[in-house]
Protein backbone atom coordinates (compact mmCIF):
# COMPACT_ATOMS: atom_id res chain seq x y z
CA MET A 1 -47.48 35.82 -55.32
CA LYS A 2 -50.19 34.11 -53.44
CA GLY A 3 -48.19 30.83 -53.34
CA ALA A 4 -45.15 32.53 -51.81
CA PHE A 5 -47.16 33.79 -48.83
CA LEU A 6 -48.67 30.37 -48.35
CA CYS A 7 -45.21 28.81 -48.30
CA VAL A 8 -43.98 31.25 -45.65
CA TYR A 9 -47.08 30.63 -43.55
CA VAL A 10 -46.60 26.84 -43.74
CA ARG A 11 -42.93 27.14 -42.87
CA MET A 12 -43.72 29.32 -39.88
CA GLU A 13 -46.31 26.78 -38.80
CA TYR A 14 -43.78 23.94 -39.00
CA ASN A 15 -41.28 26.11 -37.19
CA GLU A 16 -43.73 26.68 -34.35
CA TYR A 17 -44.42 22.94 -34.11
CA ILE A 18 -40.71 22.27 -33.97
CA LEU A 19 -40.28 24.81 -31.16
CA ILE A 20 -43.22 23.31 -29.28
CA GLY A 21 -41.69 19.84 -29.73
CA ILE A 22 -38.29 21.00 -28.52
CA GLY A 23 -39.89 22.73 -25.52
CA THR A 24 -41.88 19.63 -24.66
CA ALA A 25 -38.78 17.43 -24.95
CA ILE A 26 -36.81 19.76 -22.67
CA SER A 27 -39.68 19.77 -20.15
CA VAL A 28 -39.88 15.97 -20.12
CA ILE A 29 -36.11 15.64 -19.75
CA GLY A 30 -36.18 18.21 -16.92
CA TYR A 31 -38.96 16.29 -15.15
CA PHE A 32 -37.06 13.02 -15.27
CA LEU A 33 -33.80 14.66 -14.19
CA LYS A 34 -35.57 16.25 -11.22
CA ARG A 35 -37.14 12.92 -10.26
CA GLU A 36 -33.76 11.16 -10.55
CA ASN A 37 -32.13 13.88 -8.48
CA SER A 38 -34.66 13.46 -5.68
CA ARG A 39 -34.08 9.69 -5.76
CA LEU A 40 -30.32 10.23 -5.51
CA VAL A 41 -30.74 12.63 -2.58
CA GLU A 42 -32.82 10.01 -0.75
CA MET A 43 -30.15 7.38 -1.45
CA GLU A 44 -27.42 9.69 -0.15
CA LYS A 45 -29.40 10.21 3.06
CA LEU A 46 -29.84 6.46 3.45
CA ILE A 47 -26.14 5.81 2.82
CA ASN A 48 -25.17 8.47 5.37
CA ASP A 49 -27.52 6.95 7.95
CA ILE A 50 -26.04 3.51 7.29
CA ASN A 51 -22.50 4.88 7.65
CA VAL A 52 -23.38 6.51 10.98
CA THR A 53 -24.95 3.28 12.22
CA LEU A 54 -21.90 1.29 11.16
CA ALA A 55 -19.58 3.74 12.89
CA LYS A 56 -21.60 3.46 16.10
CA ASN A 57 -21.54 -0.34 15.90
CA GLU A 58 -17.80 -0.30 15.28
CA VAL A 59 -17.24 1.83 18.38
CA ARG A 60 -19.42 -0.51 20.45
CA ASP A 61 -17.54 -3.53 19.11
CA LYS A 62 -14.17 -1.95 19.98
CA GLU A 63 -15.37 -1.22 23.51
CA ARG A 64 -16.67 -4.78 23.91
CA TRP A 65 -13.44 -6.28 22.59
CA SER A 66 -11.31 -4.09 24.82
CA SER A 67 -13.35 -5.09 27.88
CA ALA A 68 -13.23 -8.77 26.82
CA ASN A 69 -9.44 -8.57 26.37
CA LYS A 70 -9.09 -6.92 29.78
CA ARG A 71 -11.14 -9.71 31.37
CA LEU A 72 -9.05 -12.35 29.59
CA GLU A 73 -5.86 -10.74 30.84
CA ASP A 74 -7.28 -10.66 34.38
CA ARG A 75 -8.14 -14.36 34.09
CA ARG A 76 -4.61 -15.13 32.93
CA CYS A 77 -3.21 -13.34 35.95
CA ASP A 78 -5.58 -15.26 38.23
CA ILE A 79 -4.57 -18.57 36.65
CA ARG A 80 -0.88 -17.75 37.09
CA LYS A 81 -1.48 -16.94 40.74
CA LEU A 82 -3.39 -20.20 41.23
CA TYR A 83 -0.66 -22.15 39.47
CA ASP A 84 1.98 -20.56 41.70
CA LEU A 85 -0.08 -21.44 44.79
CA VAL A 86 -0.45 -25.06 43.64
CA GLN A 87 3.27 -25.29 42.99
CA GLN A 88 4.04 -23.93 46.45
CA ASN A 89 1.68 -26.43 48.06
CA LYS A 90 3.33 -29.29 46.20
CA LYS A 91 6.73 -28.24 47.51
CA ASP A 92 5.48 -28.11 51.07
């Protein structure tokens, strides 16, 4: 009889160690998942900031190109006018 109680006590002791081990493993996994999540949130913020910066730069580039194209078109018109004036002077 005495051996049966000892066996139950040892099994309960192992059972408690197993539960403590499982709890510790879950805690460690939770810690690393939380740390990884915070790292991912920081990366998402950085990516969003980069996307906003790129969008602003793209808008600036479009404005610069549109003004450059307008200036080029104005220069073409000026050159045509000058060419027409030179041609008229040659005829005269």
